[in-house]
Protein backbone atom coordinates (compact mmCIF):
# COMPACT_ATOMS: atom_id res chain seq x y z
CA MET A 1 -3.69 31.52 -14.43
CA GLN A 2 -5.97 34.28 -15.80
CA PHE A 3 -3.21 35.18 -18.26
CA ILE A 4 -3.06 31.62 -19.58
CA GLY A 5 -6.83 31.39 -19.80
CA ALA A 6 -6.93 34.53 -21.93
CA LEU A 7 -4.53 33.12 -24.53
CA LYS A 8 -5.84 31.70 -27.79
CA LEU A 9 -5.19 28.10 -28.75
CA ARG A 10 -2.17 28.94 -30.92
CA SER A 11 -0.62 30.99 -28.11
CA LYS A 12 -1.37 28.29 -25.56
CA LEU A 13 0.35 25.67 -27.71
CA PHE A 14 3.39 27.89 -28.18
CA PHE A 15 3.46 28.63 -24.46
CA LEU A 16 3.27 24.90 -23.68
CA PHE A 17 5.92 24.18 -26.30
CA LEU A 18 8.21 26.76 -24.67
CA LEU A 19 7.62 25.34 -21.19
CA ILE A 20 8.43 21.80 -22.31
CA THR A 21 11.58 23.00 -24.08
CA ILE A 22 12.78 24.77 -20.94
CA GLY A 23 11.85 21.70 -18.89
CA LEU A 24 13.88 19.38 -21.12
CA ILE A 25 16.92 21.64 -20.94
CA PHE A 26 16.55 21.87 -17.17
CA PHE A 27 16.19 18.09 -17.03
CA GLY A 28 19.43 17.71 -18.97
CA ILE A 29 21.30 20.01 -16.58
CA ILE A 30 19.88 18.31 -13.50
CA GLY A 31 20.59 14.89 -14.98
CA THR A 32 24.22 15.79 -15.58
CA SER A 33 24.63 17.10 -12.05
CA TYR A 34 23.06 13.92 -10.64
CA VAL A 35 25.41 11.73 -12.68
CA ASN A 36 28.38 13.70 -11.34
CA ALA A 37 27.06 13.39 -7.80
CA MET A 38 26.60 9.67 -8.31
CA LYS A 39 30.18 9.41 -9.51
CA LYS A 40 31.44 11.15 -6.40
CA ASN A 41 29.35 8.92 -4.15
CA MET A 42 30.52 5.77 -5.94
CA ASP A 43 34.11 6.98 -5.73
CA SER A 44 33.75 7.68 -2.02
CA LEU A 45 31.95 4.43 -1.26
CA TYR A 46 34.01 1.92 -3.21
CA PHE A 47 37.41 3.57 -3.50
CA GLY A 48 37.50 5.82 -0.46
CA SER A 49 36.38 3.41 2.23
CA LEU A 50 38.14 0.33 0.75
CA ILE A 51 35.96 -2.08 2.69
CA PRO A 52 38.13 -5.20 2.11
CA ILE A 53 41.24 -3.40 3.39
CA THR A 54 39.30 -2.17 6.41
CA GLU A 55 38.23 -5.73 7.21
CA LEU A 56 41.77 -7.06 6.88
CA ASN A 57 43.11 -4.30 9.13
CA GLU A 58 40.47 -5.12 11.72
CA ILE A 59 41.54 -8.77 11.63
CA VAL A 60 45.20 -7.79 12.18
CA GLN A 61 44.26 -5.43 15.03
CA THR A 62 42.19 -8.16 16.68
CA TYR A 63 45.12 -10.58 16.56
CA ASN A 64 47.38 -7.91 18.11
CA ASN A 65 45.05 -6.26 20.59
CA GLY A 66 42.36 -8.83 21.19
CA LEU A 67 44.47 -12.01 21.35
CA ALA A 68 48.17 -11.22 21.86
CA ASN A 69 47.49 -8.42 24.34
CA THR A 70 45.11 -10.63 26.32
CA ILE A 71 47.68 -13.43 26.56
CA TYR A 72 50.38 -10.94 27.60
CA LYS A 73 48.17 -9.76 30.44
CA ALA A 74 47.30 -13.32 31.41
CA SER A 75 50.97 -14.28 31.53
CA ARG A 76 51.52 -11.42 34.01
CA ASN A 77 48.41 -12.43 36.02
CA GLU A 78 46.79 -9.05 35.28
CA ILE A 79 43.48 -10.68 34.32
CA SER A 80 41.69 -13.76 35.57
CA PRO A 81 41.47 -17.04 33.57
CA SER A 82 37.74 -16.51 33.02
CA GLU A 83 38.32 -13.01 31.62
CA THR A 84 41.13 -14.37 29.48
CA ALA A 85 38.89 -17.08 28.05
CA SER A 86 36.10 -14.58 27.38
CA ASN A 87 38.43 -12.15 25.56
CA ILE A 88 40.03 -14.89 23.46
CA GLU A 89 36.65 -16.40 22.55
CA THR A 90 35.22 -13.01 21.57
CA SER A 91 38.27 -12.13 19.48
CA LEU A 92 38.28 -15.46 17.62
CA ARG A 93 34.58 -15.11 16.90
CA TYR A 94 35.15 -11.59 15.55
CA ILE A 95 38.11 -12.72 13.40
CA ASN A 96 36.08 -15.56 11.89
CA LYS A 97 33.20 -13.18 11.16
CA LYS A 98 35.43 -10.58 9.44
CA TRP A 99 37.35 -13.23 7.50
CA LYS A 100 34.09 -14.76 6.28
CA SER A 101 32.87 -11.31 5.24
CA TYR A 102 36.13 -10.64 3.41
CA LEU A 103 35.89 -13.94 1.54
CA SER A 104 32.34 -13.08 0.43
CA HIS A 105 33.61 -10.19 -1.73
CA PHE A 106 34.37 -10.75 -5.39
CA LYS A 107 37.79 -12.31 -5.91
CA THR A 108 39.86 -12.76 -9.06
CA GLU A 109 41.33 -16.13 -10.02
CA ASP A 110 44.85 -14.92 -9.17
CA GLU A 111 43.69 -13.79 -5.74
CA LEU A 112 41.93 -17.10 -5.01
CA GLU A 113 45.22 -19.01 -5.12
CA TYR A 114 46.76 -16.85 -2.43
CA LEU A 115 43.52 -16.90 -0.41
CA GLU A 116 43.77 -20.66 -0.07
CA TYR A 117 47.20 -20.23 1.52
CA ALA A 118 45.95 -17.34 3.71
CA ASN A 119 42.96 -19.36 4.82
CA LEU A 120 45.21 -22.25 5.89
CA GLU A 121 47.43 -19.83 7.84
CA ILE A 122 44.46 -18.36 9.66
CA THR A 123 43.07 -21.82 10.40
CA HIS A 124 46.46 -22.97 11.74
CA THR A 125 46.94 -19.80 13.80
CA ASN A 126 43.40 -19.96 15.19
CA ALA A 127 43.98 -23.59 16.17
CA TYR A 128 46.86 -22.38 18.36
CA PHE A 129 44.63 -19.79 20.03
CA TYR A 130 41.84 -22.32 20.53
CA LYS A 131 44.32 -24.44 22.48
CA VAL A 132 45.15 -21.37 24.56
CA LEU A 133 41.41 -20.84 25.04
CA ASP A 134 41.01 -24.39 26.34
CA ALA A 135 43.89 -23.77 28.76
CA ALA A 136 42.22 -20.60 30.00
CA LYS A 137 38.92 -22.39 30.52
CA ALA A 138 40.82 -25.05 32.50
CA SER A 139 42.35 -22.22 34.66
CA ARG A 140 45.90 -23.21 33.88
CA ASP A 141 48.91 -21.08 34.79
CA PHE A 142 49.78 -18.69 31.94
CA SER A 143 53.03 -17.50 33.46
CA LYS A 144 54.96 -20.24 31.62
CA ILE A 145 53.33 -19.72 28.22
CA SER A 146 55.81 -19.21 25.36
CA ILE A 147 55.65 -15.56 24.39
CA ASN A 148 58.11 -16.26 21.59
CA THR A 149 55.69 -18.74 19.99
CA LEU A 150 52.86 -16.25 20.42
CA GLU A 151 54.81 -13.48 18.72
CA LYS A 152 55.81 -15.78 15.84
CA LYS A 153 52.17 -16.72 15.27
CA VAL A 154 51.01 -13.11 15.30
CA ALA A 155 53.93 -11.94 13.12
CA SER A 156 53.22 -14.70 10.60
CA ILE A 157 49.56 -13.85 10.31
CA HIS A 158 50.48 -10.16 10.13
CA ASP A 159 52.69 -10.84 7.07
CA VAL A 160 49.90 -12.84 5.39
CA MET A 161 47.35 -10.10 6.01
CA GLN A 162 49.75 -7.36 4.90
CA LYS A 163 50.22 -9.01 1.53
CA LEU A 164 46.45 -9.15 1.11
CA ILE A 165 46.14 -5.50 2.16
CA ASN A 166 48.76 -4.43 -0.37
CA TYR A 167 47.07 -6.48 -3.07
CA GLU A 168 43.64 -5.02 -2.27
CA GLY A 169 45.07 -1.48 -2.38
CA ASN A 170 46.64 -2.08 -5.77
CA MET A 171 43.45 -3.64 -7.07
CA ALA A 172 41.40 -0.71 -5.74
CA ASN A 173 43.60 1.77 -7.58
CA TYR A 174 43.41 -0.30 -10.75
CA GLU A 175 39.63 -0.65 -10.54
CA ARG A 176 39.27 3.06 -9.84
CA LYS A 177 41.14 3.92 -13.01
CA LYS A 178 38.92 1.55 -14.94
CA PHE A 179 35.83 3.08 -13.36
CA LEU A 180 36.90 6.64 -14.18
CA TYR A 181 37.58 5.68 -17.77
CA ALA A 182 34.21 3.94 -18.06
CA TYR A 183 32.50 6.85 -16.32
CA GLU A 184 33.87 9.39 -18.78
CA SER A 185 32.87 7.19 -21.69
CA ILE A 186 29.36 6.70 -20.31
CA LEU A 187 29.00 10.41 -19.57
CA ILE A 188 29.78 11.24 -23.20
CA LYS A 189 27.28 8.64 -24.41
CA ILE A 190 24.62 9.87 -21.99
CA GLY A 191 25.15 13.48 -23.01
CA THR A 192 24.97 12.60 -26.70
CA SER A 193 21.91 10.40 -26.24
CA LEU A 194 20.20 13.02 -24.09
CA GLY A 195 20.86 15.70 -26.70
CA ILE A 196 19.44 13.51 -29.46
CA ILE A 197 16.41 12.65 -27.34
CA ILE A 198 15.74 16.30 -26.51
CA ILE A 199 15.96 17.31 -30.18
CA ALA A 200 13.75 14.39 -31.22
CA ILE A 201 11.16 15.22 -28.55
CA LEU A 202 11.13 18.87 -29.56
CA ILE A 203 10.56 17.90 -33.20
CA MET A 204 7.78 15.49 -32.25
CA LEU A 205 6.18 18.10 -30.00
CA TYR A 206 6.19 20.59 -32.84
CA TYR A 207 4.32 18.23 -35.14
CA VAL A 208 1.99 17.10 -32.35
CA PHE A 209 1.03 20.67 -31.49
CA ALA A 210 0.56 21.48 -35.18
CA SER A 211 -1.70 18.44 -35.50
CA ILE A 212 -3.66 19.45 -32.40
CA GLN A 213 -4.35 22.86 -33.85
CA LYS A 214 -5.57 21.40 -37.16
CA ASP A 215 -7.77 18.84 -35.42
CA GLN A 216 -9.38 21.25 -32.99
CA THR A 217 -12.77 20.98 -34.67
CA LYS A 218 -12.61 17.18 -34.67
CA LEU A 219 -11.73 17.19 -30.99
CA GLU A 220 -14.69 19.43 -30.19
CA ILE A 221 -17.02 17.06 -32.05
CA ALA A 222 -15.49 14.09 -30.26
CA ALA A 223 -15.92 15.90 -26.93
CA LYS A 224 -19.60 16.45 -27.66
CA LYS A 225 -20.05 12.78 -28.53
CA LEU A 226 -18.22 11.83 -25.35
CA LYS A 227 -20.49 14.11 -23.36
CA ILE A 228 -23.54 12.38 -24.84
CA ALA A 229 -22.02 8.95 -24.10
CA ASN A 230 -21.30 10.00 -20.52
CA LYS A 231 -24.89 11.13 -20.17
CA LYS A 232 -26.09 7.72 -21.32
CA LEU A 233 -23.68 6.08 -18.92
CA GLU A 234 -24.96 8.29 -16.14
CA ASN A 235 -28.52 7.21 -16.90
CA ALA A 236 -27.36 3.59 -16.74
CA SER A 237 -25.71 4.10 -13.36
CA TYR A 238 -28.91 3.88 -11.35
CA THR A 239 -28.33 0.28 -10.27
CA ASP A 240 -26.53 -0.88 -7.13
CA SER A 241 -23.68 -3.13 -8.30
CA LEU A 242 -23.95 -5.59 -5.39
CA THR A 243 -27.71 -6.24 -5.14
CA ASN A 244 -28.89 -5.12 -8.62
CA LEU A 245 -31.54 -3.00 -6.89
CA HIS A 246 -32.06 0.66 -7.67
CA ASN A 247 -29.51 2.83 -5.89
CA ARG A 248 -29.84 6.03 -3.86
CA ARG A 249 -29.37 8.18 -6.93
CA TYR A 250 -32.34 6.59 -8.69
CA PHE A 251 -34.36 6.85 -5.48
CA ASN A 252 -33.91 10.62 -5.46
CA PHE A 253 -35.18 10.79 -9.03
CA ILE A 254 -38.12 8.39 -8.67
CA TYR A 255 -39.25 9.67 -5.28
CA ASP A 256 -39.86 13.25 -6.39
CA ARG A 257 -41.56 12.12 -9.60
CA GLU A 258 -43.89 9.60 -7.93
CA ILE A 259 -44.86 11.97 -5.11
CA LYS A 260 -45.90 14.61 -7.65
CA ARG A 261 -47.86 12.03 -9.67
CA ALA A 262 -49.63 10.76 -6.52
CA LYS A 263 -50.54 14.33 -5.54
CA ARG A 264 -52.16 14.89 -8.91
CA ASN A 265 -54.25 11.74 -8.49
CA ARG A 266 -54.69 12.08 -4.72
CA ALA A 267 -53.56 8.43 -4.50
CA TYR A 268 -52.12 6.36 -1.69
CA VAL A 269 -48.35 6.46 -1.28
CA THR A 270 -46.33 4.15 0.94
CA PHE A 271 -42.71 4.44 1.89
CA MET A 272 -40.90 1.74 3.85
CA MET A 273 -37.47 2.06 5.35
CA LEU A 274 -35.85 -1.32 6.10
CA ASP A 275 -32.75 -2.11 8.12
CA ILE A 276 -31.06 -5.48 8.76
CA ASP A 277 -30.95 -6.15 12.49
CA TYR A 278 -27.46 -6.19 14.06
CA PHE A 279 -25.80 -6.25 10.67
CA LYS A 280 -22.54 -4.82 12.00
CA GLN A 281 -22.27 -7.77 14.38
CA TYR A 282 -23.08 -10.09 11.46
CA ASN A 283 -20.17 -8.65 9.47
CA ASP A 284 -17.86 -8.82 12.46
CA THR A 285 -18.77 -12.49 13.01
CA TYR A 286 -18.93 -13.89 9.48
CA GLY A 287 -16.88 -11.39 7.48
CA HIS A 288 -17.77 -8.96 4.72
CA VAL A 289 -18.01 -11.66 2.05
CA GLU A 290 -20.85 -13.35 3.95
CA GLY A 291 -22.26 -9.91 4.69
CA ASP A 292 -22.49 -9.22 0.95
CA ARG A 293 -24.24 -12.56 0.43
CA ALA A 294 -26.74 -11.65 3.12
CA LEU A 295 -27.44 -8.31 1.41
CA LYS A 296 -27.99 -10.12 -1.90
CA SER A 297 -30.35 -12.58 -0.23
CA VAL A 298 -32.42 -9.78 1.33
CA ALA A 299 -32.51 -8.00 -2.03
CA LYS A 300 -33.80 -11.18 -3.68
CA VAL A 301 -36.62 -11.40 -1.13
CA LEU A 302 -37.62 -7.82 -1.83
CA LYS A 303 -37.63 -8.34 -5.60
CA GLU A 304 -39.64 -11.56 -5.31
CA THR A 305 -42.19 -9.95 -2.98
CA LEU A 306 -42.68 -6.69 -4.87
CA LYS A 307 -43.37 -7.41 -8.54
CA ARG A 308 -45.75 -4.64 -9.66
CA PRO A 309 -44.36 -2.10 -12.18
CA GLY A 310 -45.17 0.68 -9.71
CA ASP A 311 -43.26 -0.96 -6.83
CA TYR A 312 -39.77 0.44 -6.42
CA VAL A 313 -37.09 -1.19 -4.28
CA PHE A 314 -33.86 0.64 -3.44
CA ARG A 315 -30.64 -0.01 -1.61
CA LEU A 316 -30.16 3.30 0.15
CA GLY A 317 -26.76 2.45 1.59
CA GLY A 318 -25.04 -0.18 3.72
CA GLU A 319 -27.70 -2.51 5.15
CA GLU A 320 -30.50 0.03 4.65
CA PHE A 321 -33.18 -0.47 1.98
CA GLY A 322 -36.18 1.57 0.85
CA ILE A 323 -39.48 0.65 -0.78
CA PHE A 324 -41.84 3.08 -2.52
CA LEU A 325 -45.37 1.93 -3.33
CA SER A 326 -48.19 3.77 -5.03
CA ASP A 327 -51.89 2.96 -4.97
CA THR A 328 -51.42 0.65 -1.95
CA ASP A 329 -53.55 1.27 1.13
CA GLU A 330 -52.51 0.87 4.77
CA THR A 331 -53.78 -2.71 5.13
CA ASN A 332 -51.98 -3.99 2.06
CA SER A 333 -48.84 -2.06 3.01
CA ALA A 334 -48.87 -3.71 6.46
CA ASN A 335 -49.37 -7.14 4.88
CA LEU A 336 -46.42 -6.57 2.54
CA ALA A 337 -44.19 -5.45 5.42
CA ARG A 338 -45.19 -8.53 7.44
CA GLU A 339 -44.58 -10.77 4.42
CA ILE A 340 -41.13 -9.30 3.87
CA CYS A 341 -40.16 -9.85 7.52
CA GLU A 342 -41.29 -13.44 7.41
CA ALA A 343 -39.68 -14.13 4.02
CA VAL A 344 -36.29 -12.88 5.20
CA LYS A 345 -36.55 -14.95 8.35
CA LYS A 346 -37.46 -18.05 6.29
CA ARG A 347 -34.20 -17.69 4.43
CA GLU A 348 -32.67 -19.05 7.65
CA ILE A 349 -29.49 -17.04 7.36
CA LYS A 350 -27.66 -17.95 10.58
CA HIS A 351 -26.95 -14.96 12.85
CA GLU A 352 -25.40 -16.07 16.13
CA GLN A 353 -24.82 -12.52 17.40
CA SER A 354 -28.42 -11.38 16.90
CA LYS A 355 -30.25 -10.57 20.12
CA VAL A 356 -33.71 -11.15 18.66
CA HIS A 357 -33.57 -14.36 16.62
CA GLU A 358 -31.20 -17.12 15.59
CA PHE A 359 -31.61 -16.12 11.93
CA LEU A 360 -31.16 -12.81 10.10
CA THR A 361 -34.15 -10.46 10.55
CA LEU A 362 -35.39 -7.05 9.44
CA SER A 363 -36.84 -4.01 11.15
CA ILE A 364 -39.19 -1.93 8.99
CA GLY A 365 -40.65 1.52 9.41
CA VAL A 366 -43.74 2.16 7.23
CA VAL A 367 -45.74 5.28 6.51
CA CYS A 368 -48.85 5.11 4.31
CA CYS A 369 -51.10 8.05 3.49
CA ILE A 370 -53.05 9.76 0.74
CA ALA A 371 -50.92 12.27 -1.09
CA ASP A 372 -52.39 15.75 -1.12
CA ASP A 373 -51.06 19.24 -1.61
CA ALA A 374 -50.22 19.53 2.09
CA LEU A 375 -47.88 16.51 1.99
CA GLU A 376 -44.22 17.52 2.01
CA GLU A 377 -41.79 15.16 0.30
CA GLU A 378 -39.34 15.12 3.21
CA VAL A 379 -42.07 14.27 5.72
CA LEU A 380 -42.67 10.83 4.26
CA ILE A 381 -39.00 9.87 4.61
CA SER A 382 -38.64 11.35 8.08
CA ARG A 383 -41.79 9.66 9.31
CA ALA A 384 -40.67 6.26 7.94
CA ASP A 385 -37.32 6.76 9.66
CA GLU A 386 -39.16 7.44 12.95
CA MET A 387 -41.19 4.27 12.54
CA LEU A 388 -38.00 2.31 11.86
CA TYR A 389 -36.52 3.71 15.05
CA GLU A 390 -39.63 2.65 16.98
CA ALA A 391 -39.42 -0.84 15.48
CA LYS A 392 -35.85 -1.14 16.68
CA GLU A 393 -36.68 0.23 20.11
CA SER A 394 -39.61 -2.22 20.36
CA GLY A 395 -37.32 -5.22 19.98
CA ARG A 396 -36.55 -5.38 16.22
CA ASN A 397 -37.67 -8.22 13.93
CA ARG A 398 -40.92 -6.37 13.25
CA TYR A 399 -42.55 -3.51 11.40
CA ILE A 400 -44.25 -0.38 12.71
CA ILE A 401 -46.74 1.38 10.44
CA THR A 402 -48.48 4.75 10.64
CA SER A 403 -50.87 6.66 8.40
CA ASN A 404 -50.10 10.00 10.04
CA ALA A 405 -47.51 11.86 8.00
CA SER A 406 -47.96 15.21 9.74
CA LYS A 407 -45.94 14.61 12.90
CA ALA A 408 -42.50 13.92 11.46
CA LYS A 409 -39.71 15.67 13.31
CA ILE A 410 -37.78 17.42 10.56
CA ALA A 411 -34.49 18.94 11.67
């Protein structure tokens, strides 16, 4: 990486050009190998397994082993009537399933004509075995069953299936030859197209890289303009998108500035930390959409209550809000906190899971003091957080205020 960083722009472009060229060639080789692998897999899947032939063979084996063999055993009293009925029923169900699967495959018009005949033969033969099945269910004596008739039925269906098997084998060979011919033709077309594409891409890359080198100065100017635009966008990103209040980022900026200004004037500063009571339970009960509406409603109360240019309202995160006031003494700060609590409650936002009130409420921690050189910025926030904790511990739906900013427990 240090080697690449040390290269000049021209060398970097040539290096990138070389990498892309090698990548395209490698892509061509890999692509060809994948096409060949696909051909082998297709050949194995469709022409090696010969699914239709396999299904037909399974049907023939079921007639021989599943049906004929069962009836032979029944005629010699080697198995019970109930076992005979179960074996015959299972075999017929399996034959019908495989025959239905075989019919679902693509068939040519020539093949359909013979399939109609084959289907009738299977239906006729199965009708015979269904009669045998009824006899087994009735526990009739199988010792007198006509084995000759059974063998004729099985032999007949075997001949029908064998013709289909031969036909499917011939068709598979024919389709395989067609596939191989089409595959070779497609491979040539793919190779030619890939070669043309690689050459075209290399030509385009050459002109693109040449253009990049010529326009380096323009790109640097555009980058500077973009940097300025991003800075403006950053300055405009101080608003919380949900509540339209100032966000935590703007709080960090305003807080330091206003504390320093208040210290210069030795003015009152007030910081309130507000938290919606049992807001998690509110979200769990009414959903996040209603939770967002509640946050917007609380934000509206704060904006309507605090209208002075020097009053700053923030959404610090989640259901937590912050208020920074300057030139507001302890009495007025307490009155504002009380007014905010009452205004939120008067919104009558139903909160069934609240343990303090039927409507949505706030807990507020307030610290108000005169800013002097001894006041540390972090103390104000920590002290307000302590007051908020006390408000919650005292039952919520209230505010706790202090003018002592020297006892905050800073970690």
